[in-house]
């Protein structure tokens, strides 16, 4: 029980820290000429996209001790991230986007259920052949433009994150081939039917 409380606290603190950092980086704009000064702007852009948060939440859920820990760790991470991000927004600008907070709060509320799926995807031998395709397909949707006769790279960072997800869920070559096949098929379907454009 004590270890679980420590784990919950760590996830909450990581969420608070990353939420604050994400908002801080969000205030930077790019500079011409000095590539070093463009790094904060680049990271700010990366942290405003969904992919990095999916990757972090997947890491938290996959490496939690139990499925209940996975659900609570992920929820606490997102609560910490949202509170710090929007408190910092209110401090800087005196206001924040209501639609954004509703969107991210909805994701935070759904995250425990998704975390349980992720936990089973990594820790359940049979389910490891299909469930990992869900986060990988979503990440591919964020990184690639897929159509009937084309593939376009939109964000290389999310493609790298897809590879990291493959490493998280890897059990065997056969399993990886099956997961990748399902992931690409599912990503194509998501692109065609999703009302949201990532």
N, C-alpha and C. Protein backbone atom coordinates (compact mmCIF):
# COMPACT_ATOMS: atom_id res chain seq x y z
N UNK A 1 0.82 -1.21 0.00
CA UNK A 1 0.00 0.00 0.00
C UNK A 1 0.87 1.27 0.00
N UNK A 2 1.94 1.24 0.79
CA UNK A 2 2.83 2.40 0.86
C UNK A 2 3.49 2.65 -0.49
N UNK A 3 3.91 1.56 -1.18
CA UNK A 3 4.53 1.69 -2.50
C UNK A 3 3.54 2.27 -3.51
N UNK A 4 2.27 1.85 -3.40
CA UNK A 4 1.25 2.36 -4.31
C UNK A 4 1.06 3.86 -4.11
N UNK A 5 1.01 4.30 -2.85
CA UNK A 5 0.84 5.73 -2.57
C UNK A 5 2.01 6.54 -3.11
N UNK A 6 3.21 5.98 -2.98
CA UNK A 6 4.40 6.64 -3.54
C UNK A 6 4.26 6.74 -5.06
N UNK A 7 3.82 5.63 -5.69
CA UNK A 7 3.62 5.63 -7.14
C UNK A 7 2.58 6.65 -7.58
N UNK A 8 1.46 6.72 -6.85
CA UNK A 8 0.41 7.70 -7.17
C UNK A 8 0.95 9.12 -7.05
N UNK A 9 1.71 9.37 -5.98
CA UNK A 9 2.27 10.71 -5.76
C UNK A 9 3.26 11.08 -6.86
N UNK A 10 4.10 10.12 -7.25
CA UNK A 10 5.07 10.38 -8.32
C UNK A 10 4.36 10.74 -9.63
N UNK A 11 3.31 9.99 -9.97
CA UNK A 11 2.56 10.27 -11.21
C UNK A 11 1.92 11.65 -11.16
N UNK A 12 1.37 12.01 -10.00
CA UNK A 12 0.76 13.33 -9.85
C UNK A 12 1.82 14.43 -10.01
N UNK A 13 2.96 14.25 -9.37
CA UNK A 13 4.05 15.24 -9.44
C UNK A 13 4.59 15.36 -10.87
N UNK A 14 4.75 14.22 -11.55
CA UNK A 14 5.21 14.25 -12.95
C UNK A 14 4.20 15.01 -13.81
N UNK A 15 2.91 14.75 -13.58
CA UNK A 15 1.87 15.46 -14.31
C UNK A 15 1.93 16.96 -14.08
N UNK A 16 2.07 17.36 -12.81
CA UNK A 16 2.17 18.79 -12.48
C UNK A 16 3.40 19.41 -13.15
N UNK A 17 4.52 18.71 -13.06
CA UNK A 17 5.76 19.21 -13.65
C UNK A 17 5.67 19.36 -15.15
N UNK A 18 5.17 18.32 -15.82
CA UNK A 18 5.08 18.37 -17.29
C UNK A 18 4.02 19.37 -17.76
N UNK A 19 2.93 19.51 -17.01
CA UNK A 19 1.92 20.51 -17.36
C UNK A 19 2.49 21.92 -17.30
N UNK A 20 3.27 22.18 -16.25
CA UNK A 20 3.90 23.50 -16.10
C UNK A 20 4.93 23.74 -17.20
N UNK A 21 5.75 22.73 -17.47
CA UNK A 21 6.77 22.86 -18.52
C UNK A 21 6.11 23.07 -19.89
N UNK A 22 5.04 22.29 -20.15
CA UNK A 22 4.35 22.40 -21.44
C UNK A 22 3.80 23.81 -21.64
N UNK A 23 3.20 24.37 -20.60
CA UNK A 23 2.65 25.73 -20.73
C UNK A 23 3.77 26.76 -20.87
N UNK A 24 4.85 26.57 -20.14
CA UNK A 24 5.99 27.48 -20.24
C UNK A 24 6.56 27.46 -21.66
N UNK A 25 6.75 26.26 -22.21
CA UNK A 25 7.30 26.14 -23.57
C UNK A 25 6.34 26.68 -24.62
N UNK A 26 5.05 26.65 -24.30
CA UNK A 26 4.01 27.14 -25.20
C UNK A 26 4.12 28.64 -25.44
N UNK A 27 4.82 29.34 -24.56
CA UNK A 27 4.93 30.80 -24.68
C UNK A 27 6.06 31.24 -25.60
N UNK A 28 6.91 30.30 -26.04
CA UNK A 28 8.05 30.63 -26.90
C UNK A 28 7.64 30.70 -28.36
N UNK A 29 8.28 31.58 -29.10
CA UNK A 29 8.15 31.60 -30.56
C UNK A 29 9.52 31.34 -31.16
N UNK A 30 9.54 30.91 -32.40
CA UNK A 30 10.80 30.59 -33.06
C UNK A 30 11.64 31.84 -33.34
N UNK A 31 12.93 31.64 -33.43
CA UNK A 31 13.87 32.72 -33.75
C UNK A 31 14.60 32.36 -35.04
N UNK A 32 14.81 33.36 -35.88
CA UNK A 32 15.57 33.14 -37.11
C UNK A 32 17.06 33.17 -36.80
N UNK A 33 17.79 32.27 -37.43
CA UNK A 33 19.24 32.33 -37.35
C UNK A 33 19.87 31.48 -36.28
N UNK A 34 19.32 31.42 -35.10
CA UNK A 34 19.93 30.68 -34.00
C UNK A 34 19.12 29.43 -33.71
N UNK A 35 19.61 28.26 -34.16
CA UNK A 35 18.85 27.02 -34.00
C UNK A 35 18.66 26.66 -32.53
N UNK A 36 19.60 27.07 -31.67
CA UNK A 36 19.51 26.77 -30.25
C UNK A 36 18.30 27.45 -29.61
N UNK A 37 17.99 28.64 -30.09
CA UNK A 37 16.83 29.38 -29.56
C UNK A 37 15.52 28.82 -30.09
N UNK A 38 15.58 27.99 -31.13
CA UNK A 38 14.37 27.38 -31.67
C UNK A 38 13.96 26.13 -30.90
N UNK A 39 14.84 25.59 -30.06
CA UNK A 39 14.53 24.36 -29.33
C UNK A 39 13.31 24.52 -28.41
N UNK A 40 13.22 25.60 -27.59
CA UNK A 40 12.02 25.75 -26.76
C UNK A 40 10.74 25.85 -27.58
N UNK A 41 10.81 26.55 -28.71
CA UNK A 41 9.64 26.67 -29.58
C UNK A 41 9.24 25.31 -30.15
N UNK A 42 10.25 24.54 -30.58
CA UNK A 42 10.01 23.19 -31.11
C UNK A 42 9.37 22.30 -30.05
N UNK A 43 9.92 22.32 -28.83
CA UNK A 43 9.37 21.51 -27.75
C UNK A 43 7.96 21.98 -27.37
N UNK A 44 7.74 23.30 -27.43
CA UNK A 44 6.40 23.83 -27.17
C UNK A 44 5.40 23.29 -28.15
N UNK A 45 5.78 23.24 -29.43
CA UNK A 45 4.92 22.67 -30.46
C UNK A 45 4.67 21.19 -30.21
N UNK A 46 5.72 20.46 -29.85
CA UNK A 46 5.59 19.02 -29.59
C UNK A 46 4.64 18.76 -28.43
N UNK A 47 4.73 19.56 -27.37
CA UNK A 47 3.89 19.35 -26.19
C UNK A 47 2.46 19.83 -26.37
N UNK A 48 2.17 20.55 -27.46
CA UNK A 48 0.78 20.92 -27.72
C UNK A 48 0.06 19.86 -28.55
N UNK A 49 0.82 18.90 -29.06
CA UNK A 49 0.21 17.82 -29.84
C UNK A 49 -0.13 16.64 -28.93
N UNK A 50 -1.04 15.83 -29.39
CA UNK A 50 -1.57 14.72 -28.58
C UNK A 50 -0.58 13.57 -28.42
N UNK A 51 0.30 13.36 -29.39
CA UNK A 51 1.16 12.18 -29.41
C UNK A 51 2.03 12.00 -28.18
N UNK A 52 2.68 13.06 -27.72
CA UNK A 52 3.58 12.95 -26.57
C UNK A 52 2.83 12.54 -25.32
N UNK A 53 1.59 13.03 -25.18
CA UNK A 53 0.78 12.69 -24.00
C UNK A 53 0.30 11.25 -24.07
N UNK A 54 -0.01 10.78 -25.27
CA UNK A 54 -0.38 9.36 -25.45
C UNK A 54 0.81 8.48 -25.09
N UNK A 55 2.00 8.86 -25.54
CA UNK A 55 3.20 8.07 -25.23
C UNK A 55 3.47 8.02 -23.73
N UNK A 56 3.43 9.16 -23.06
CA UNK A 56 3.70 9.21 -21.62
C UNK A 56 2.66 8.40 -20.85
N UNK A 57 1.38 8.57 -21.20
CA UNK A 57 0.32 7.82 -20.52
C UNK A 57 0.47 6.32 -20.77
N UNK A 58 0.89 5.94 -21.97
CA UNK A 58 1.11 4.53 -22.28
C UNK A 58 2.25 3.96 -21.44
N UNK A 59 3.33 4.71 -21.31
CA UNK A 59 4.45 4.26 -20.47
C UNK A 59 4.01 4.07 -19.03
N UNK A 60 3.24 5.03 -18.51
CA UNK A 60 2.77 4.94 -17.12
C UNK A 60 1.89 3.71 -16.94
N UNK A 61 0.92 3.52 -17.84
CA UNK A 61 -0.02 2.40 -17.72
C UNK A 61 0.66 1.06 -17.92
N UNK A 62 1.50 0.96 -18.94
CA UNK A 62 2.13 -0.32 -19.27
C UNK A 62 3.05 -0.82 -18.16
N UNK A 63 3.72 0.08 -17.48
CA UNK A 63 4.69 -0.32 -16.46
C UNK A 63 4.16 -0.22 -15.03
N UNK A 64 2.85 -0.02 -14.88
CA UNK A 64 2.25 -0.05 -13.55
C UNK A 64 2.17 -1.50 -13.06
N UNK A 65 2.12 -1.68 -11.73
CA UNK A 65 2.13 -3.03 -11.16
C UNK A 65 0.83 -3.81 -11.42
N UNK A 66 -0.31 -3.12 -11.33
CA UNK A 66 -1.61 -3.77 -11.53
C UNK A 66 -2.45 -2.91 -12.46
N UNK A 67 -3.56 -3.48 -12.92
CA UNK A 67 -4.44 -2.71 -13.79
C UNK A 67 -5.09 -1.55 -13.04
N UNK A 68 -5.38 -1.73 -11.75
CA UNK A 68 -5.96 -0.64 -10.96
C UNK A 68 -4.93 0.48 -10.78
N UNK A 69 -3.69 0.09 -10.51
CA UNK A 69 -2.61 1.09 -10.42
C UNK A 69 -2.45 1.84 -11.74
N UNK A 70 -2.54 1.10 -12.84
CA UNK A 70 -2.43 1.73 -14.16
C UNK A 70 -3.51 2.79 -14.34
N UNK A 71 -4.75 2.45 -13.97
CA UNK A 71 -5.86 3.39 -14.11
C UNK A 71 -5.66 4.62 -13.24
N UNK A 72 -5.32 4.41 -11.97
CA UNK A 72 -5.16 5.54 -11.04
C UNK A 72 -3.92 6.38 -11.36
N UNK A 73 -2.82 5.72 -11.71
CA UNK A 73 -1.60 6.46 -12.06
C UNK A 73 -1.84 7.39 -13.24
N UNK A 74 -2.51 6.86 -14.26
CA UNK A 74 -2.77 7.65 -15.46
C UNK A 74 -3.72 8.80 -15.17
N UNK A 75 -4.77 8.52 -14.41
CA UNK A 75 -5.72 9.58 -14.05
C UNK A 75 -5.03 10.68 -13.25
N UNK A 76 -4.23 10.31 -12.26
CA UNK A 76 -3.53 11.30 -11.45
C UNK A 76 -2.53 12.10 -12.28
N UNK A 77 -1.87 11.43 -13.22
CA UNK A 77 -0.95 12.14 -14.11
C UNK A 77 -1.69 13.23 -14.89
N UNK A 78 -2.82 12.87 -15.49
CA UNK A 78 -3.57 13.85 -16.29
C UNK A 78 -4.18 14.95 -15.42
N UNK A 79 -4.64 14.59 -14.22
CA UNK A 79 -5.18 15.61 -13.31
C UNK A 79 -4.09 16.63 -12.97
N UNK A 80 -2.91 16.12 -12.61
CA UNK A 80 -1.79 17.01 -12.29
C UNK A 80 -1.40 17.88 -13.47
N UNK A 81 -1.35 17.27 -14.65
CA UNK A 81 -0.97 18.01 -15.85
C UNK A 81 -1.99 19.11 -16.16
N UNK A 82 -3.27 18.78 -16.10
CA UNK A 82 -4.30 19.76 -16.43
C UNK A 82 -4.36 20.90 -15.43
N UNK A 83 -4.30 20.56 -14.14
CA UNK A 83 -4.37 21.61 -13.12
C UNK A 83 -3.21 22.59 -13.27
N UNK A 84 -2.00 22.06 -13.40
CA UNK A 84 -0.84 22.96 -13.50
C UNK A 84 -0.85 23.75 -14.81
N UNK A 85 -1.22 23.10 -15.91
CA UNK A 85 -1.24 23.78 -17.21
C UNK A 85 -2.22 24.95 -17.20
N UNK A 86 -3.44 24.69 -16.72
CA UNK A 86 -4.46 25.73 -16.79
C UNK A 86 -4.33 26.77 -15.68
N UNK A 87 -3.77 26.39 -14.53
CA UNK A 87 -3.47 27.40 -13.51
C UNK A 87 -2.38 28.35 -14.02
N UNK A 88 -1.39 27.78 -14.68
CA UNK A 88 -0.31 28.61 -15.25
C UNK A 88 -0.87 29.51 -16.36
N UNK A 89 -1.79 28.96 -17.16
CA UNK A 89 -2.44 29.77 -18.21
C UNK A 89 -3.20 30.94 -17.59
N UNK A 90 -3.94 30.64 -16.52
CA UNK A 90 -4.71 31.70 -15.85
C UNK A 90 -3.77 32.73 -15.24
N UNK A 91 -2.64 32.28 -14.71
CA UNK A 91 -1.66 33.20 -14.12
C UNK A 91 -1.03 34.10 -15.19
N UNK A 92 -0.67 33.50 -16.34
CA UNK A 92 -0.02 34.27 -17.40
C UNK A 92 -0.98 35.21 -18.12
N UNK A 93 -2.16 34.70 -18.45
CA UNK A 93 -3.06 35.44 -19.32
C UNK A 93 -4.37 35.86 -18.66
N UNK A 94 -4.63 35.34 -17.46
CA UNK A 94 -5.87 35.66 -16.76
C UNK A 94 -7.07 34.92 -17.31
N UNK A 95 -6.85 34.06 -18.29
CA UNK A 95 -7.95 33.35 -18.93
C UNK A 95 -7.41 32.08 -19.58
N UNK A 96 -8.29 31.11 -19.83
CA UNK A 96 -7.91 29.93 -20.59
C UNK A 96 -9.10 29.47 -21.42
N UNK A 97 -8.83 28.66 -22.41
CA UNK A 97 -9.86 28.20 -23.34
C UNK A 97 -10.76 27.16 -22.68
N UNK A 98 -12.04 27.47 -22.58
CA UNK A 98 -13.00 26.54 -21.98
C UNK A 98 -13.13 25.28 -22.82
N UNK A 99 -13.14 25.43 -24.14
CA UNK A 99 -13.28 24.24 -25.00
C UNK A 99 -12.08 23.32 -24.85
N UNK A 100 -10.89 23.89 -24.71
CA UNK A 100 -9.69 23.07 -24.51
C UNK A 100 -9.74 22.30 -23.20
N UNK A 101 -10.16 22.98 -22.13
CA UNK A 101 -10.19 22.30 -20.84
C UNK A 101 -11.27 21.21 -20.81
N UNK A 102 -12.37 21.42 -21.51
CA UNK A 102 -13.41 20.39 -21.61
C UNK A 102 -12.87 19.19 -22.38
N UNK A 103 -12.18 19.45 -23.48
CA UNK A 103 -11.60 18.38 -24.30
C UNK A 103 -10.60 17.55 -23.49
N UNK A 104 -9.64 18.24 -22.83
CA UNK A 104 -8.60 17.53 -22.08
C UNK A 104 -9.16 16.87 -20.82
N UNK A 105 -10.17 17.48 -20.21
CA UNK A 105 -10.81 16.85 -19.04
C UNK A 105 -11.53 15.58 -19.45
N UNK A 106 -12.15 15.61 -20.62
CA UNK A 106 -12.79 14.39 -21.15
C UNK A 106 -11.77 13.28 -21.36
N UNK A 107 -10.62 13.64 -21.92
CA UNK A 107 -9.54 12.65 -22.09
C UNK A 107 -9.05 12.12 -20.75
N UNK A 108 -8.94 13.01 -19.77
CA UNK A 108 -8.49 12.59 -18.44
C UNK A 108 -9.47 11.61 -17.82
N UNK A 109 -10.77 11.85 -18.00
CA UNK A 109 -11.78 10.95 -17.43
C UNK A 109 -11.81 9.60 -18.12
N UNK A 110 -11.50 9.57 -19.40
CA UNK A 110 -11.47 8.31 -20.15
C UNK A 110 -10.16 7.56 -19.93
N UNK A 111 -9.11 8.27 -19.54
CA UNK A 111 -7.77 7.68 -19.45
C UNK A 111 -7.67 6.44 -18.55
N UNK A 112 -8.39 6.34 -17.42
CA UNK A 112 -8.26 5.11 -16.63
C UNK A 112 -8.71 3.86 -17.38
N UNK A 113 -9.77 3.99 -18.19
CA UNK A 113 -10.26 2.84 -18.96
C UNK A 113 -9.25 2.46 -20.05
N UNK A 114 -8.69 3.47 -20.69
CA UNK A 114 -7.67 3.21 -21.71
C UNK A 114 -6.41 2.63 -21.08
N UNK A 115 -6.09 3.08 -19.86
CA UNK A 115 -4.91 2.58 -19.15
C UNK A 115 -5.03 1.09 -18.85
N UNK A 116 -6.24 0.65 -18.51
CA UNK A 116 -6.46 -0.78 -18.24
C UNK A 116 -6.23 -1.59 -19.52
N UNK A 117 -6.69 -1.07 -20.65
CA UNK A 117 -6.46 -1.74 -21.93
C UNK A 117 -4.96 -1.83 -22.21
N UNK A 118 -4.24 -0.73 -21.99
CA UNK A 118 -2.79 -0.70 -22.20
C UNK A 118 -2.09 -1.70 -21.29
N UNK A 119 -2.50 -1.73 -20.03
CA UNK A 119 -1.88 -2.65 -19.07
C UNK A 119 -2.04 -4.10 -19.53
N UNK A 120 -3.26 -4.45 -19.97
CA UNK A 120 -3.51 -5.81 -20.47
C UNK A 120 -2.73 -6.07 -21.77
N UNK A 121 -2.59 -5.05 -22.59
CA UNK A 121 -1.85 -5.20 -23.85
C UNK A 121 -0.40 -5.60 -23.60
N UNK A 122 0.16 -5.13 -22.51
CA UNK A 122 1.56 -5.46 -22.21
C UNK A 122 1.70 -6.68 -21.31
N UNK A 123 0.73 -6.94 -20.45
CA UNK A 123 0.88 -7.95 -19.41
C UNK A 123 0.05 -9.21 -19.60
N UNK A 124 -0.76 -9.27 -20.63
CA UNK A 124 -1.60 -10.44 -20.89
C UNK A 124 -1.12 -11.09 -22.19
N UNK A 125 -0.66 -12.32 -22.10
CA UNK A 125 0.00 -12.98 -23.23
C UNK A 125 -0.86 -13.03 -24.48
N UNK A 126 -2.11 -13.43 -24.36
CA UNK A 126 -2.97 -13.55 -25.55
C UNK A 126 -3.38 -12.18 -26.09
N UNK A 127 -3.75 -11.29 -25.19
CA UNK A 127 -4.19 -9.96 -25.63
C UNK A 127 -3.06 -9.13 -26.22
N UNK A 128 -1.82 -9.51 -25.91
CA UNK A 128 -0.65 -8.80 -26.45
C UNK A 128 -0.53 -8.95 -27.96
N UNK A 129 -1.32 -9.84 -28.54
CA UNK A 129 -1.30 -10.03 -30.00
C UNK A 129 -2.24 -9.07 -30.73
N UNK A 130 -3.15 -8.42 -30.00
CA UNK A 130 -4.10 -7.52 -30.67
C UNK A 130 -4.18 -6.13 -30.03
N UNK A 131 -4.28 -6.06 -28.71
CA UNK A 131 -4.51 -4.78 -28.05
C UNK A 131 -3.44 -3.71 -28.29
N UNK A 132 -2.15 -4.06 -28.40
CA UNK A 132 -1.17 -3.01 -28.67
C UNK A 132 -1.42 -2.24 -29.96
N UNK A 133 -2.19 -2.85 -30.85
CA UNK A 133 -2.49 -2.17 -32.12
C UNK A 133 -3.29 -0.89 -31.91
N UNK A 134 -4.04 -0.80 -30.81
CA UNK A 134 -4.86 0.39 -30.57
C UNK A 134 -4.01 1.65 -30.38
N UNK A 135 -3.09 1.69 -29.40
CA UNK A 135 -2.28 2.92 -29.28
C UNK A 135 -1.34 3.14 -30.46
N UNK A 136 -0.82 2.05 -31.02
CA UNK A 136 0.10 2.19 -32.16
C UNK A 136 -0.65 2.76 -33.37
N UNK A 137 -1.86 2.25 -33.62
CA UNK A 137 -2.67 2.76 -34.73
C UNK A 137 -3.00 4.23 -34.53
N UNK A 138 -3.33 4.59 -33.31
CA UNK A 138 -3.64 6.00 -33.03
C UNK A 138 -2.42 6.88 -33.27
N UNK A 139 -1.26 6.40 -32.84
CA UNK A 139 -0.02 7.17 -33.04
C UNK A 139 0.30 7.28 -34.53
N UNK A 140 0.07 6.20 -35.28
CA UNK A 140 0.28 6.25 -36.73
C UNK A 140 -0.67 7.25 -37.38
N UNK A 141 -1.89 7.32 -36.86
CA UNK A 141 -2.86 8.29 -37.36
C UNK A 141 -2.36 9.72 -37.16
N UNK A 142 -1.68 9.94 -36.03
CA UNK A 142 -1.13 11.27 -35.75
C UNK A 142 0.09 11.58 -36.61
N UNK A 143 0.83 10.53 -37.01
CA UNK A 143 2.10 10.76 -37.72
C UNK A 143 1.98 10.69 -39.24
N UNK A 144 1.05 9.90 -39.74
CA UNK A 144 0.96 9.66 -41.18
C UNK A 144 -0.37 10.11 -41.75
N UNK A 145 -0.32 10.58 -42.98
CA UNK A 145 -1.53 10.78 -43.75
C UNK A 145 -1.71 9.53 -44.61
N UNK A 146 -2.80 8.80 -44.38
CA UNK A 146 -3.01 7.54 -45.09
C UNK A 146 -4.23 7.64 -45.99
N UNK A 147 -4.08 7.23 -47.21
CA UNK A 147 -5.19 7.16 -48.15
C UNK A 147 -5.13 5.85 -48.90
N UNK A 148 -6.02 5.67 -49.85
CA UNK A 148 -6.03 4.41 -50.62
C UNK A 148 -4.74 4.21 -51.39
N UNK A 149 -4.16 5.29 -51.91
CA UNK A 149 -2.99 5.15 -52.77
C UNK A 149 -1.80 6.00 -52.33
N UNK A 150 -1.80 6.43 -51.08
CA UNK A 150 -0.67 7.26 -50.66
C UNK A 150 -0.43 7.14 -49.14
N UNK A 151 0.79 7.44 -48.77
CA UNK A 151 1.19 7.61 -47.37
C UNK A 151 2.06 8.86 -47.31
N UNK A 152 1.69 9.80 -46.45
CA UNK A 152 2.43 11.05 -46.28
C UNK A 152 2.86 11.17 -44.83
N UNK A 153 4.12 11.52 -44.61
CA UNK A 153 4.62 11.72 -43.26
C UNK A 153 4.28 13.14 -42.79
N UNK A 154 3.41 13.23 -41.78
CA UNK A 154 3.03 14.53 -41.22
C UNK A 154 3.95 14.96 -40.08
N UNK A 155 4.23 14.03 -39.18
CA UNK A 155 5.06 14.33 -38.01
C UNK A 155 6.01 13.17 -37.76
N UNK A 156 7.29 13.39 -37.96
CA UNK A 156 8.27 12.32 -37.75
C UNK A 156 8.37 11.94 -36.27
N UNK A 157 8.13 12.91 -35.38
CA UNK A 157 8.22 12.63 -33.95
C UNK A 157 7.20 11.56 -33.53
N UNK A 158 5.97 11.67 -34.03
CA UNK A 158 4.96 10.68 -33.70
C UNK A 158 5.27 9.32 -34.33
N UNK A 159 5.94 9.34 -35.48
CA UNK A 159 6.37 8.07 -36.07
C UNK A 159 7.42 7.40 -35.18
N UNK A 160 8.34 8.19 -34.65
CA UNK A 160 9.33 7.66 -33.70
C UNK A 160 8.63 7.14 -32.45
N UNK A 161 7.61 7.86 -32.00
CA UNK A 161 6.84 7.40 -30.84
C UNK A 161 6.13 6.09 -31.12
N UNK A 162 5.69 5.89 -32.37
CA UNK A 162 5.08 4.61 -32.76
C UNK A 162 6.08 3.47 -32.61
N UNK A 163 7.32 3.72 -33.00
CA UNK A 163 8.38 2.72 -32.85
C UNK A 163 8.62 2.43 -31.37
N UNK A 164 8.62 3.47 -30.54
CA UNK A 164 8.79 3.27 -29.09
C UNK A 164 7.65 2.43 -28.54
N UNK A 165 6.43 2.68 -29.00
CA UNK A 165 5.29 1.86 -28.56
C UNK A 165 5.48 0.40 -28.96
N UNK A 166 6.00 0.18 -30.16
CA UNK A 166 6.28 -1.20 -30.60
C UNK A 166 7.28 -1.87 -29.65
N UNK A 167 8.28 -1.13 -29.22
CA UNK A 167 9.27 -1.68 -28.28
C UNK A 167 8.65 -1.99 -26.92
N UNK A 168 7.72 -1.14 -26.48
CA UNK A 168 7.06 -1.36 -25.19
C UNK A 168 6.28 -2.67 -25.21
N UNK A 169 5.59 -2.93 -26.32
CA UNK A 169 4.70 -4.10 -26.38
C UNK A 169 5.34 -5.33 -27.02
N UNK A 170 6.58 -5.21 -27.44
CA UNK A 170 7.24 -6.30 -28.17
C UNK A 170 7.36 -7.58 -27.33
N UNK A 171 6.96 -8.72 -27.95
CA UNK A 171 7.14 -10.03 -27.31
C UNK A 171 7.86 -11.00 -28.24
N UNK A 172 7.55 -10.91 -29.53
CA UNK A 172 8.20 -11.77 -30.51
C UNK A 172 8.07 -11.13 -31.88
N UNK A 173 8.85 -11.63 -32.85
CA UNK A 173 8.77 -11.08 -34.21
C UNK A 173 7.39 -11.30 -34.81
N UNK A 174 6.85 -12.51 -34.60
CA UNK A 174 5.52 -12.82 -35.15
C UNK A 174 4.48 -11.87 -34.58
N UNK A 175 4.53 -11.67 -33.28
CA UNK A 175 3.58 -10.78 -32.62
C UNK A 175 3.71 -9.36 -33.17
N UNK A 176 4.93 -8.90 -33.38
CA UNK A 176 5.16 -7.56 -33.91
C UNK A 176 4.59 -7.41 -35.32
N UNK A 177 4.78 -8.42 -36.15
CA UNK A 177 4.24 -8.38 -37.52
C UNK A 177 2.72 -8.29 -37.49
N UNK A 178 2.10 -9.11 -36.65
CA UNK A 178 0.64 -9.10 -36.52
C UNK A 178 0.16 -7.73 -36.04
N UNK A 179 0.81 -7.21 -35.01
CA UNK A 179 0.43 -5.91 -34.46
C UNK A 179 0.56 -4.81 -35.51
N UNK A 180 1.66 -4.82 -36.26
CA UNK A 180 1.87 -3.77 -37.27
C UNK A 180 0.83 -3.85 -38.38
N UNK A 181 0.49 -5.06 -38.79
CA UNK A 181 -0.54 -5.23 -39.82
C UNK A 181 -1.87 -4.67 -39.32
N UNK A 182 -2.27 -5.05 -38.10
CA UNK A 182 -3.52 -4.56 -37.53
C UNK A 182 -3.46 -3.04 -37.34
N UNK A 183 -2.31 -2.54 -36.88
CA UNK A 183 -2.16 -1.10 -36.62
C UNK A 183 -2.34 -0.27 -37.88
N UNK A 184 -1.69 -0.69 -38.98
CA UNK A 184 -1.83 0.07 -40.23
C UNK A 184 -3.26 0.02 -40.75
N UNK A 185 -3.88 -1.16 -40.67
CA UNK A 185 -5.27 -1.29 -41.12
C UNK A 185 -6.19 -0.42 -40.28
N UNK A 186 -6.01 -0.47 -38.97
CA UNK A 186 -6.84 0.31 -38.06
C UNK A 186 -6.60 1.81 -38.23
N UNK A 187 -5.36 2.19 -38.44
CA UNK A 187 -5.03 3.59 -38.67
C UNK A 187 -5.71 4.12 -39.93
N UNK A 188 -5.70 3.31 -40.98
CA UNK A 188 -6.37 3.68 -42.22
C UNK A 188 -7.87 3.89 -41.98
N UNK A 189 -8.49 2.97 -41.24
CA UNK A 189 -9.92 3.07 -40.94
C UNK A 189 -10.21 4.32 -40.11
N UNK A 190 -9.38 4.57 -39.10
CA UNK A 190 -9.57 5.76 -38.26
C UNK A 190 -9.51 7.03 -39.11
N UNK A 191 -8.54 7.10 -40.02
CA UNK A 191 -8.40 8.28 -40.89
C UNK A 191 -9.63 8.49 -41.76
N UNK A 192 -10.24 7.39 -42.20
CA UNK A 192 -11.37 7.49 -43.12
C UNK A 192 -12.67 7.87 -42.41
N UNK A 193 -12.87 7.36 -41.18
CA UNK A 193 -14.18 7.54 -40.54
C UNK A 193 -14.19 8.54 -39.39
N UNK A 194 -13.03 8.94 -38.90
CA UNK A 194 -12.99 9.81 -37.72
C UNK A 194 -13.48 11.22 -38.06
N UNK A 195 -14.39 11.76 -37.22
CA UNK A 195 -14.81 13.15 -37.43
C UNK A 195 -13.74 14.15 -36.98
N UNK A 196 -12.75 13.66 -36.22
CA UNK A 196 -11.66 14.52 -35.74
C UNK A 196 -10.48 14.40 -36.68
N UNK A 197 -9.81 15.50 -36.93
CA UNK A 197 -8.62 15.49 -37.77
C UNK A 197 -7.42 15.79 -36.90
N UNK A 198 -6.58 14.77 -36.71
CA UNK A 198 -5.43 14.90 -35.82
C UNK A 198 -4.24 15.43 -36.60
